[in-house]
């Protein structure tokens, strides 16, 4: 469990550094140049590796028993998470949800964490997905404060919406297949 928590702490620290200590992050960039971006990227990869290893090694400590129908809710939320997250891919104009949500990557990430909290009732899952949910929820107001008021982007043509929905369905199918291959059926059973 220690590796999981350590990885989570690195993730949060690295991602919040610019928001809570912008001068320190700028000083790091001034001193190290482009190498600082590489260091940040390496720390993010290390944090993910530690979270995955820590999660897989953690003892199963039950916190609550998720009802079986939560798997269906989880799957719907995962489709929604891919759709919302994908809305951030276009810069100039946005699909419908991108004109309603200022931070679609973080919002999609939050939906992903909630979906996983619904179907995983063990302590390691609560720490991992709950910790990531708190990080994303804290990040949004910090970014809003730093960036000021939001100008709603123009909406993309319907073709972009259709493409995003298809991409979300393909990604969902791919991730479901990977989960099944790893022995974790996203569809029950």
N, C-alpha and C. Protein backbone atom coordinates (compact mmCIF):
# COMPACT_ATOMS: atom_id res chain seq x y z
N UNK A 1 0.82 -1.19 0.00
CA UNK A 1 0.00 0.00 0.00
C UNK A 1 0.87 1.26 0.00
N UNK A 2 2.08 1.12 0.56
CA UNK A 2 2.97 2.28 0.63
C UNK A 2 3.36 2.78 -0.75
N UNK A 3 3.64 1.87 -1.68
CA UNK A 3 3.99 2.28 -3.06
C UNK A 3 2.82 3.01 -3.72
N UNK A 4 1.62 2.51 -3.50
CA UNK A 4 0.43 3.15 -4.05
C UNK A 4 0.30 4.58 -3.53
N UNK A 5 0.42 4.75 -2.25
CA UNK A 5 0.29 6.08 -1.64
C UNK A 5 1.43 6.99 -2.10
N UNK A 6 2.64 6.46 -2.15
CA UNK A 6 3.79 7.26 -2.60
C UNK A 6 3.60 7.71 -4.05
N UNK A 7 3.17 6.79 -4.91
CA UNK A 7 2.91 7.14 -6.30
C UNK A 7 1.82 8.20 -6.42
N UNK A 8 0.76 8.06 -5.64
CA UNK A 8 -0.32 9.03 -5.65
C UNK A 8 0.17 10.41 -5.20
N UNK A 9 1.00 10.43 -4.17
CA UNK A 9 1.54 11.70 -3.67
C UNK A 9 2.44 12.37 -4.72
N UNK A 10 3.24 11.58 -5.42
CA UNK A 10 4.08 12.15 -6.49
C UNK A 10 3.19 12.73 -7.59
N UNK A 11 2.17 11.98 -8.00
CA UNK A 11 1.23 12.45 -9.03
C UNK A 11 0.63 13.80 -8.64
N UNK A 12 0.10 13.86 -7.44
CA UNK A 12 -0.55 15.09 -6.96
C UNK A 12 0.45 16.24 -6.88
N UNK A 13 1.60 15.98 -6.30
CA UNK A 13 2.61 17.04 -6.14
C UNK A 13 3.06 17.59 -7.49
N UNK A 14 3.36 16.71 -8.42
CA UNK A 14 3.84 17.15 -9.73
C UNK A 14 2.75 17.93 -10.47
N UNK A 15 1.51 17.43 -10.42
CA UNK A 15 0.44 18.10 -11.13
C UNK A 15 -0.01 19.42 -10.48
N UNK A 16 0.14 19.52 -9.18
CA UNK A 16 -0.28 20.76 -8.51
C UNK A 16 0.83 21.79 -8.37
N UNK A 17 2.06 21.40 -8.70
CA UNK A 17 3.20 22.30 -8.52
C UNK A 17 2.98 23.64 -9.20
N UNK A 18 2.58 23.63 -10.46
CA UNK A 18 2.37 24.88 -11.20
C UNK A 18 1.26 25.72 -10.56
N UNK A 19 0.26 25.07 -9.97
CA UNK A 19 -0.89 25.79 -9.41
C UNK A 19 -0.62 26.35 -8.02
N UNK A 20 0.06 25.59 -7.18
CA UNK A 20 0.26 26.04 -5.81
C UNK A 20 1.60 26.75 -5.59
N UNK A 21 2.55 26.50 -6.49
CA UNK A 21 3.86 27.15 -6.36
C UNK A 21 4.37 27.55 -7.75
N UNK A 22 3.67 28.47 -8.40
CA UNK A 22 4.08 28.82 -9.78
C UNK A 22 5.48 29.41 -9.86
N UNK A 23 5.89 30.15 -8.85
CA UNK A 23 7.23 30.73 -8.86
C UNK A 23 8.30 29.65 -8.80
N UNK A 24 8.06 28.62 -8.00
CA UNK A 24 9.01 27.51 -7.89
C UNK A 24 9.10 26.77 -9.22
N UNK A 25 7.97 26.55 -9.85
CA UNK A 25 7.97 25.84 -11.15
C UNK A 25 8.65 26.69 -12.22
N UNK A 26 8.41 28.00 -12.21
CA UNK A 26 9.07 28.90 -13.17
C UNK A 26 10.57 28.94 -12.92
N UNK A 27 10.98 28.97 -11.65
CA UNK A 27 12.40 28.98 -11.31
C UNK A 27 13.07 27.69 -11.78
N UNK A 28 12.34 26.59 -11.66
CA UNK A 28 12.86 25.30 -12.11
C UNK A 28 13.08 25.33 -13.63
N UNK A 29 12.13 25.90 -14.35
CA UNK A 29 12.25 26.01 -15.80
C UNK A 29 13.39 26.95 -16.18
N UNK A 30 13.50 28.07 -15.47
CA UNK A 30 14.58 29.02 -15.74
C UNK A 30 15.95 28.39 -15.52
N UNK A 31 16.06 27.60 -14.47
CA UNK A 31 17.34 27.00 -14.11
C UNK A 31 17.69 25.81 -15.01
N UNK A 32 16.70 24.98 -15.32
CA UNK A 32 16.96 23.74 -16.04
C UNK A 32 16.56 23.78 -17.51
N UNK A 33 15.80 24.78 -17.91
CA UNK A 33 15.34 24.87 -19.29
C UNK A 33 14.37 23.76 -19.63
N UNK A 34 14.47 23.25 -20.86
CA UNK A 34 13.56 22.20 -21.33
C UNK A 34 13.73 20.89 -20.56
N UNK A 35 14.86 20.72 -19.91
CA UNK A 35 15.10 19.50 -19.12
C UNK A 35 14.06 19.39 -18.00
N UNK A 36 13.59 20.54 -17.49
CA UNK A 36 12.59 20.50 -16.41
C UNK A 36 11.31 19.83 -16.88
N UNK A 37 10.92 20.05 -18.13
CA UNK A 37 9.72 19.39 -18.67
C UNK A 37 9.94 17.88 -18.74
N UNK A 38 11.12 17.47 -19.11
CA UNK A 38 11.44 16.05 -19.14
C UNK A 38 11.40 15.43 -17.76
N UNK A 39 11.93 16.16 -16.79
CA UNK A 39 11.91 15.68 -15.41
C UNK A 39 10.48 15.51 -14.92
N UNK A 40 9.64 16.49 -15.22
CA UNK A 40 8.23 16.40 -14.82
C UNK A 40 7.58 15.18 -15.48
N UNK A 41 7.85 14.97 -16.76
CA UNK A 41 7.28 13.82 -17.47
C UNK A 41 7.75 12.50 -16.84
N UNK A 42 9.02 12.43 -16.50
CA UNK A 42 9.55 11.22 -15.87
C UNK A 42 8.89 10.99 -14.51
N UNK A 43 8.72 12.05 -13.74
CA UNK A 43 8.06 11.91 -12.43
C UNK A 43 6.62 11.44 -12.57
N UNK A 44 5.93 11.90 -13.62
CA UNK A 44 4.56 11.46 -13.84
C UNK A 44 4.54 9.97 -14.19
N UNK A 45 5.44 9.54 -15.06
CA UNK A 45 5.51 8.12 -15.42
C UNK A 45 5.85 7.29 -14.18
N UNK A 46 6.81 7.74 -13.39
CA UNK A 46 7.19 7.03 -12.16
C UNK A 46 5.98 6.93 -11.22
N UNK A 47 5.23 8.02 -11.10
CA UNK A 47 4.06 7.99 -10.21
C UNK A 47 3.04 6.97 -10.68
N UNK A 48 2.80 6.89 -11.99
CA UNK A 48 1.84 5.92 -12.52
C UNK A 48 2.34 4.50 -12.27
N UNK A 49 3.61 4.26 -12.54
CA UNK A 49 4.18 2.92 -12.31
C UNK A 49 4.05 2.54 -10.84
N UNK A 50 4.37 3.45 -9.94
CA UNK A 50 4.25 3.16 -8.50
C UNK A 50 2.81 2.90 -8.10
N UNK A 51 1.87 3.68 -8.66
CA UNK A 51 0.46 3.46 -8.34
C UNK A 51 -0.01 2.10 -8.83
N UNK A 52 0.39 1.72 -10.03
CA UNK A 52 -0.03 0.43 -10.58
C UNK A 52 0.57 -0.72 -9.77
N UNK A 53 1.87 -0.67 -9.53
CA UNK A 53 2.52 -1.73 -8.75
C UNK A 53 1.95 -1.77 -7.34
N UNK A 54 1.82 -0.61 -6.71
CA UNK A 54 1.27 -0.56 -5.36
C UNK A 54 -0.15 -1.07 -5.28
N UNK A 55 -0.95 -0.75 -6.28
CA UNK A 55 -2.35 -1.21 -6.31
C UNK A 55 -2.41 -2.73 -6.47
N UNK A 56 -1.60 -3.24 -7.38
CA UNK A 56 -1.61 -4.69 -7.63
C UNK A 56 -1.07 -5.49 -6.44
N UNK A 57 -0.15 -4.88 -5.67
CA UNK A 57 0.44 -5.58 -4.54
C UNK A 57 -0.36 -5.41 -3.25
N UNK A 58 -1.27 -4.48 -3.23
CA UNK A 58 -2.00 -4.18 -1.99
C UNK A 58 -2.88 -5.35 -1.57
N UNK A 59 -2.91 -5.58 -0.28
CA UNK A 59 -3.81 -6.60 0.26
C UNK A 59 -5.25 -6.15 0.04
N UNK A 60 -6.14 -7.11 -0.16
CA UNK A 60 -7.55 -6.79 -0.33
C UNK A 60 -8.16 -6.57 1.04
N UNK A 61 -8.49 -5.33 1.31
CA UNK A 61 -9.14 -4.97 2.57
C UNK A 61 -10.51 -4.42 2.20
N UNK A 62 -11.56 -5.23 2.44
CA UNK A 62 -12.89 -4.78 2.03
C UNK A 62 -13.35 -3.57 2.84
N UNK A 63 -13.94 -2.61 2.14
CA UNK A 63 -14.52 -1.44 2.77
C UNK A 63 -16.03 -1.50 2.64
N UNK A 64 -16.49 -1.90 1.45
CA UNK A 64 -17.91 -2.06 1.21
C UNK A 64 -18.11 -3.03 0.05
N UNK A 65 -19.31 -3.57 -0.08
CA UNK A 65 -19.61 -4.54 -1.13
C UNK A 65 -20.46 -3.88 -2.21
N UNK A 66 -19.85 -3.60 -3.38
CA UNK A 66 -20.62 -2.97 -4.45
C UNK A 66 -21.70 -3.91 -4.99
N UNK A 67 -22.92 -3.41 -5.16
CA UNK A 67 -23.95 -4.25 -5.77
C UNK A 67 -23.59 -4.59 -7.23
N UNK A 68 -24.03 -5.73 -7.71
CA UNK A 68 -23.64 -6.18 -9.05
C UNK A 68 -24.13 -5.24 -10.15
N UNK A 69 -25.25 -4.56 -9.95
CA UNK A 69 -25.76 -3.68 -11.00
C UNK A 69 -24.89 -2.44 -11.19
N UNK A 70 -23.97 -2.19 -10.27
CA UNK A 70 -23.06 -1.06 -10.44
C UNK A 70 -22.13 -1.24 -11.64
N UNK A 71 -21.93 -2.51 -12.07
CA UNK A 71 -21.08 -2.72 -13.26
C UNK A 71 -21.69 -2.07 -14.49
N UNK A 72 -23.00 -2.16 -14.62
CA UNK A 72 -23.68 -1.51 -15.74
C UNK A 72 -23.55 0.01 -15.66
N UNK A 73 -23.71 0.54 -14.45
CA UNK A 73 -23.56 1.99 -14.26
C UNK A 73 -22.12 2.40 -14.55
N UNK A 74 -21.17 1.57 -14.09
CA UNK A 74 -19.76 1.82 -14.37
C UNK A 74 -19.50 1.91 -15.86
N UNK A 75 -20.06 0.98 -16.63
CA UNK A 75 -19.83 0.98 -18.07
C UNK A 75 -20.40 2.22 -18.74
N UNK A 76 -21.58 2.64 -18.33
CA UNK A 76 -22.15 3.87 -18.88
C UNK A 76 -21.30 5.08 -18.52
N UNK A 77 -20.82 5.12 -17.28
CA UNK A 77 -19.95 6.22 -16.86
C UNK A 77 -18.63 6.21 -17.61
N UNK A 78 -18.11 5.02 -17.91
CA UNK A 78 -16.86 4.95 -18.66
C UNK A 78 -17.04 5.48 -20.09
N UNK A 79 -18.16 5.16 -20.72
CA UNK A 79 -18.45 5.73 -22.03
C UNK A 79 -18.50 7.25 -21.94
N UNK A 80 -19.19 7.73 -20.93
CA UNK A 80 -19.29 9.18 -20.71
C UNK A 80 -17.92 9.79 -20.45
N UNK A 81 -17.09 9.10 -19.68
CA UNK A 81 -15.74 9.61 -19.37
C UNK A 81 -14.90 9.75 -20.63
N UNK A 82 -14.95 8.75 -21.51
CA UNK A 82 -14.20 8.83 -22.76
C UNK A 82 -14.72 9.99 -23.62
N UNK A 83 -16.02 10.15 -23.67
CA UNK A 83 -16.61 11.24 -24.45
C UNK A 83 -16.20 12.61 -23.91
N UNK A 84 -16.34 12.79 -22.61
CA UNK A 84 -16.00 14.09 -22.01
C UNK A 84 -14.51 14.38 -22.17
N UNK A 85 -13.68 13.40 -21.83
CA UNK A 85 -12.23 13.59 -21.94
C UNK A 85 -11.84 13.94 -23.38
N UNK A 86 -12.44 13.25 -24.32
CA UNK A 86 -12.13 13.48 -25.73
C UNK A 86 -12.52 14.85 -26.22
N UNK A 87 -13.44 15.51 -25.53
CA UNK A 87 -13.88 16.84 -25.95
C UNK A 87 -12.76 17.86 -25.88
N UNK A 88 -11.71 17.56 -25.16
CA UNK A 88 -10.59 18.51 -25.03
C UNK A 88 -9.64 18.43 -26.22
N UNK A 89 -9.83 17.48 -27.10
CA UNK A 89 -8.88 17.27 -28.20
C UNK A 89 -8.90 18.41 -29.22
N UNK A 90 -10.03 19.08 -29.37
CA UNK A 90 -10.12 20.17 -30.34
C UNK A 90 -9.83 21.48 -29.64
N UNK A 91 -9.00 22.30 -30.24
CA UNK A 91 -8.60 23.56 -29.59
C UNK A 91 -9.48 24.74 -30.00
N UNK A 92 -9.72 24.90 -31.29
CA UNK A 92 -10.41 26.09 -31.77
C UNK A 92 -11.91 26.05 -31.49
N UNK A 93 -12.53 24.91 -31.71
CA UNK A 93 -13.95 24.80 -31.45
C UNK A 93 -14.21 23.49 -30.71
N UNK A 94 -15.36 23.40 -30.09
CA UNK A 94 -15.62 22.28 -29.21
C UNK A 94 -16.88 21.54 -29.62
N UNK A 95 -16.87 20.24 -29.32
CA UNK A 95 -18.09 19.47 -29.44
C UNK A 95 -19.04 19.97 -28.36
N UNK A 96 -20.26 19.52 -28.37
CA UNK A 96 -21.28 20.07 -27.48
C UNK A 96 -20.82 20.13 -26.03
N UNK A 97 -20.33 19.04 -25.48
CA UNK A 97 -19.95 19.01 -24.06
C UNK A 97 -18.79 19.97 -23.77
N UNK A 98 -17.94 20.20 -24.75
CA UNK A 98 -16.82 21.12 -24.57
C UNK A 98 -17.24 22.57 -24.47
N UNK A 99 -18.49 22.85 -24.84
CA UNK A 99 -19.02 24.21 -24.66
C UNK A 99 -19.75 24.35 -23.34
N UNK A 100 -19.87 23.26 -22.60
CA UNK A 100 -20.57 23.26 -21.31
C UNK A 100 -19.62 23.06 -20.14
N UNK A 101 -18.50 22.40 -20.39
CA UNK A 101 -17.54 22.07 -19.34
C UNK A 101 -16.21 22.72 -19.67
N UNK A 102 -15.70 23.53 -18.75
CA UNK A 102 -14.46 24.26 -19.00
C UNK A 102 -13.24 23.36 -19.07
N UNK A 103 -13.21 22.33 -18.26
CA UNK A 103 -12.05 21.45 -18.17
C UNK A 103 -12.47 20.00 -18.46
N UNK A 104 -12.68 19.68 -19.73
CA UNK A 104 -13.17 18.33 -20.04
C UNK A 104 -12.21 17.21 -19.68
N UNK A 105 -10.90 17.45 -19.73
CA UNK A 105 -9.98 16.38 -19.34
C UNK A 105 -10.15 16.03 -17.87
N UNK A 106 -10.17 17.05 -17.03
CA UNK A 106 -10.33 16.79 -15.60
C UNK A 106 -11.72 16.26 -15.28
N UNK A 107 -12.74 16.79 -15.95
CA UNK A 107 -14.10 16.30 -15.72
C UNK A 107 -14.23 14.84 -16.15
N UNK A 108 -13.68 14.50 -17.31
CA UNK A 108 -13.70 13.11 -17.77
C UNK A 108 -12.93 12.20 -16.82
N UNK A 109 -11.82 12.70 -16.32
CA UNK A 109 -11.01 11.95 -15.36
C UNK A 109 -11.81 11.71 -14.08
N UNK A 110 -12.55 12.72 -13.64
CA UNK A 110 -13.37 12.57 -12.43
C UNK A 110 -14.47 11.53 -12.64
N UNK A 111 -15.10 11.53 -13.80
CA UNK A 111 -16.12 10.53 -14.09
C UNK A 111 -15.49 9.14 -14.07
N UNK A 112 -14.28 9.01 -14.63
CA UNK A 112 -13.55 7.74 -14.62
C UNK A 112 -13.31 7.26 -13.19
N UNK A 113 -12.89 8.16 -12.30
CA UNK A 113 -12.61 7.75 -10.92
C UNK A 113 -13.89 7.33 -10.20
N UNK A 114 -14.97 8.08 -10.40
CA UNK A 114 -16.24 7.73 -9.76
C UNK A 114 -16.72 6.36 -10.26
N UNK A 115 -16.60 6.13 -11.56
CA UNK A 115 -17.00 4.83 -12.13
C UNK A 115 -16.24 3.69 -11.46
N UNK A 116 -14.96 3.89 -11.23
CA UNK A 116 -14.15 2.84 -10.62
C UNK A 116 -14.42 2.70 -9.12
N UNK A 117 -14.76 3.80 -8.47
CA UNK A 117 -15.12 3.71 -7.05
C UNK A 117 -16.43 2.92 -6.87
N UNK A 118 -17.34 3.02 -7.83
CA UNK A 118 -18.61 2.31 -7.73
C UNK A 118 -18.44 0.79 -7.72
N UNK A 119 -17.46 0.29 -8.45
CA UNK A 119 -17.34 -1.17 -8.61
C UNK A 119 -16.18 -1.78 -7.84
N UNK A 120 -15.43 -0.97 -7.13
CA UNK A 120 -14.30 -1.47 -6.34
C UNK A 120 -14.46 -1.01 -4.90
N UNK A 121 -14.78 -1.94 -4.03
CA UNK A 121 -15.04 -1.58 -2.65
C UNK A 121 -13.92 -1.91 -1.68
N UNK A 122 -12.70 -1.98 -2.18
CA UNK A 122 -11.57 -2.30 -1.30
C UNK A 122 -10.76 -1.05 -0.97
N UNK A 123 -9.96 -1.13 0.06
CA UNK A 123 -9.20 0.02 0.56
C UNK A 123 -8.25 0.59 -0.49
N UNK A 124 -7.54 -0.27 -1.21
CA UNK A 124 -6.59 0.23 -2.21
C UNK A 124 -7.32 1.03 -3.29
N UNK A 125 -8.50 0.57 -3.70
CA UNK A 125 -9.27 1.29 -4.71
C UNK A 125 -9.77 2.62 -4.17
N UNK A 126 -10.21 2.63 -2.94
CA UNK A 126 -10.68 3.88 -2.33
C UNK A 126 -9.53 4.89 -2.27
N UNK A 127 -8.35 4.43 -1.89
CA UNK A 127 -7.19 5.32 -1.83
C UNK A 127 -6.81 5.81 -3.23
N UNK A 128 -6.69 4.89 -4.19
CA UNK A 128 -6.27 5.26 -5.53
C UNK A 128 -7.30 6.15 -6.23
N UNK A 129 -8.49 5.63 -6.43
CA UNK A 129 -9.49 6.38 -7.19
C UNK A 129 -10.04 7.57 -6.41
N UNK A 130 -10.17 7.41 -5.10
CA UNK A 130 -10.61 8.54 -4.27
C UNK A 130 -9.57 9.65 -4.24
N UNK A 131 -8.30 9.27 -4.14
CA UNK A 131 -7.23 10.27 -4.14
C UNK A 131 -7.14 11.01 -5.46
N UNK A 132 -7.27 10.28 -6.56
CA UNK A 132 -7.25 10.92 -7.88
C UNK A 132 -8.47 11.81 -8.09
N UNK A 133 -9.61 11.39 -7.56
CA UNK A 133 -10.82 12.22 -7.64
C UNK A 133 -10.64 13.53 -6.88
N UNK A 134 -10.09 13.45 -5.69
CA UNK A 134 -9.83 14.67 -4.90
C UNK A 134 -8.85 15.58 -5.63
N UNK A 135 -7.77 14.99 -6.19
CA UNK A 135 -6.80 15.80 -6.94
C UNK A 135 -7.46 16.56 -8.08
N UNK A 136 -8.27 15.86 -8.87
CA UNK A 136 -8.92 16.50 -10.02
C UNK A 136 -9.90 17.57 -9.56
N UNK A 137 -10.65 17.29 -8.50
CA UNK A 137 -11.62 18.26 -7.99
C UNK A 137 -10.94 19.51 -7.45
N UNK A 138 -9.78 19.35 -6.84
CA UNK A 138 -9.02 20.49 -6.32
C UNK A 138 -8.37 21.27 -7.47
N UNK A 139 -7.97 20.57 -8.50
CA UNK A 139 -7.29 21.21 -9.63
C UNK A 139 -8.18 22.22 -10.37
N UNK A 140 -9.44 21.90 -10.53
CA UNK A 140 -10.33 22.75 -11.33
C UNK A 140 -10.43 24.17 -10.78
N UNK A 141 -10.75 24.36 -9.50
CA UNK A 141 -10.82 25.75 -9.01
C UNK A 141 -9.45 26.45 -9.01
N UNK A 142 -8.38 25.69 -8.81
CA UNK A 142 -7.05 26.31 -8.85
C UNK A 142 -6.74 26.82 -10.26
N UNK A 143 -7.07 26.03 -11.27
CA UNK A 143 -6.85 26.46 -12.66
C UNK A 143 -7.75 27.64 -12.98
N UNK A 144 -9.01 27.57 -12.57
CA UNK A 144 -9.94 28.68 -12.83
C UNK A 144 -9.44 29.98 -12.22
N UNK A 145 -8.92 29.89 -11.01
CA UNK A 145 -8.40 31.09 -10.34
C UNK A 145 -7.21 31.66 -11.11
N UNK A 146 -6.34 30.80 -11.59
CA UNK A 146 -5.15 31.26 -12.31
C UNK A 146 -5.49 31.81 -13.69
N UNK A 147 -6.49 31.23 -14.34
CA UNK A 147 -6.80 31.62 -15.72
C UNK A 147 -7.88 32.69 -15.83
N UNK A 148 -8.63 32.93 -14.79
CA UNK A 148 -9.68 33.95 -14.85
C UNK A 148 -10.93 33.45 -15.54
N UNK A 149 -11.79 34.39 -15.94
CA UNK A 149 -13.07 34.00 -16.54
C UNK A 149 -12.90 33.18 -17.82
N UNK A 150 -13.89 32.33 -18.06
CA UNK A 150 -13.88 31.41 -19.20
C UNK A 150 -14.67 32.01 -20.35
N UNK A 151 -14.08 31.99 -21.52
CA UNK A 151 -14.78 32.35 -22.73
C UNK A 151 -15.23 31.05 -23.38
N UNK A 152 -16.54 30.88 -23.48
CA UNK A 152 -17.08 29.65 -24.05
C UNK A 152 -16.68 29.56 -25.52
N UNK A 153 -16.06 28.45 -25.93
CA UNK A 153 -15.63 28.32 -27.33
C UNK A 153 -16.82 28.07 -28.25
N UNK A 154 -16.64 28.35 -29.52
CA UNK A 154 -17.71 28.04 -30.48
C UNK A 154 -17.88 26.53 -30.61
N UNK A 155 -19.09 26.13 -30.93
CA UNK A 155 -19.37 24.70 -31.06
C UNK A 155 -18.93 24.20 -32.43
N UNK A 156 -18.35 23.02 -32.41
CA UNK A 156 -17.88 22.38 -33.64
C UNK A 156 -19.08 21.89 -34.46
N UNK A 157 -18.86 21.62 -35.75
CA UNK A 157 -19.94 21.06 -36.57
C UNK A 157 -20.34 19.67 -36.08
N UNK A 158 -21.53 19.23 -36.47
CA UNK A 158 -22.07 17.93 -36.04
C UNK A 158 -21.13 16.79 -36.40
N UNK A 159 -20.38 16.92 -37.48
CA UNK A 159 -19.45 15.87 -37.89
C UNK A 159 -18.44 15.59 -36.78
N UNK A 160 -17.95 16.63 -36.11
CA UNK A 160 -17.00 16.46 -35.01
C UNK A 160 -17.63 15.70 -33.85
N UNK A 161 -18.89 15.97 -33.59
CA UNK A 161 -19.61 15.28 -32.51
C UNK A 161 -19.72 13.79 -32.82
N UNK A 162 -20.05 13.48 -34.04
CA UNK A 162 -20.19 12.07 -34.45
C UNK A 162 -18.85 11.36 -34.36
N UNK A 163 -17.79 12.02 -34.80
CA UNK A 163 -16.45 11.43 -34.72
C UNK A 163 -16.06 11.15 -33.28
N UNK A 164 -16.34 12.11 -32.39
CA UNK A 164 -16.01 11.91 -30.98
C UNK A 164 -16.78 10.75 -30.38
N UNK A 165 -18.05 10.63 -30.69
CA UNK A 165 -18.85 9.51 -30.17
C UNK A 165 -18.28 8.18 -30.66
N UNK A 166 -17.92 8.11 -31.92
CA UNK A 166 -17.34 6.87 -32.48
C UNK A 166 -16.00 6.56 -31.78
N UNK A 167 -15.17 7.57 -31.60
CA UNK A 167 -13.89 7.37 -30.92
C UNK A 167 -14.12 6.89 -29.49
N UNK A 168 -15.08 7.48 -28.78
CA UNK A 168 -15.39 7.06 -27.41
C UNK A 168 -15.83 5.60 -27.38
N UNK A 169 -16.65 5.19 -28.33
CA UNK A 169 -17.10 3.79 -28.39
C UNK A 169 -15.95 2.84 -28.69
N UNK A 170 -15.07 3.23 -29.60
CA UNK A 170 -13.91 2.39 -29.94
C UNK A 170 -12.98 2.27 -28.72
N UNK A 171 -12.69 3.39 -28.07
CA UNK A 171 -11.81 3.35 -26.90
C UNK A 171 -12.42 2.53 -25.77
N UNK A 172 -13.73 2.69 -25.56
CA UNK A 172 -14.40 1.89 -24.54
C UNK A 172 -14.25 0.40 -24.85
N UNK A 173 -14.48 0.02 -26.11
CA UNK A 173 -14.35 -1.38 -26.51
C UNK A 173 -12.93 -1.89 -26.30
N UNK A 174 -11.96 -1.06 -26.67
CA UNK A 174 -10.55 -1.44 -26.50
C UNK A 174 -10.20 -1.63 -25.02
N UNK A 175 -10.59 -0.69 -24.20
CA UNK A 175 -10.29 -0.78 -22.76
C UNK A 175 -11.04 -1.96 -22.13
N UNK A 176 -12.28 -2.18 -22.53
CA UNK A 176 -13.03 -3.35 -22.02
C UNK A 176 -12.31 -4.64 -22.41
N UNK A 177 -11.81 -4.69 -23.65
CA UNK A 177 -11.07 -5.87 -24.10
C UNK A 177 -9.80 -6.08 -23.29
N UNK A 178 -9.10 -5.01 -23.00
CA UNK A 178 -7.87 -5.11 -22.20
C UNK A 178 -8.20 -5.59 -20.78
N UNK A 179 -9.26 -5.03 -20.20
CA UNK A 179 -9.67 -5.47 -18.86
C UNK A 179 -10.00 -6.97 -18.87
N UNK A 180 -10.72 -7.41 -19.89
CA UNK A 180 -11.08 -8.83 -19.99
C UNK A 180 -9.84 -9.69 -20.14
N UNK A 181 -8.91 -9.24 -20.99
CA UNK A 181 -7.65 -9.96 -21.19
C UNK A 181 -6.86 -10.07 -19.89
N UNK A 182 -6.94 -9.02 -19.05
CA UNK A 182 -6.24 -9.03 -17.76
C UNK A 182 -6.98 -9.82 -16.69
N UNK A 183 -8.17 -10.32 -17.04
CA UNK A 183 -8.93 -11.14 -16.09
C UNK A 183 -9.92 -10.37 -15.26
N UNK A 184 -10.21 -9.13 -15.62
CA UNK A 184 -11.17 -8.32 -14.89
C UNK A 184 -12.31 -7.98 -15.86
N UNK A 185 -13.40 -8.73 -15.75
CA UNK A 185 -14.50 -8.53 -16.69
C UNK A 185 -15.28 -7.27 -16.34
N UNK A 186 -15.35 -6.31 -17.27
CA UNK A 186 -16.12 -5.09 -17.01
C UNK A 186 -17.62 -5.30 -17.16
N UNK A 187 -18.04 -6.51 -17.56
CA UNK A 187 -19.46 -6.75 -17.84
C UNK A 187 -20.09 -7.74 -16.85
N UNK A 188 -19.38 -8.06 -15.80
CA UNK A 188 -19.93 -8.98 -14.81
C UNK A 188 -19.57 -10.42 -15.14
N UNK A 189 -19.96 -11.29 -14.24
CA UNK A 189 -19.71 -12.71 -14.50
C UNK A 189 -18.43 -13.21 -13.90
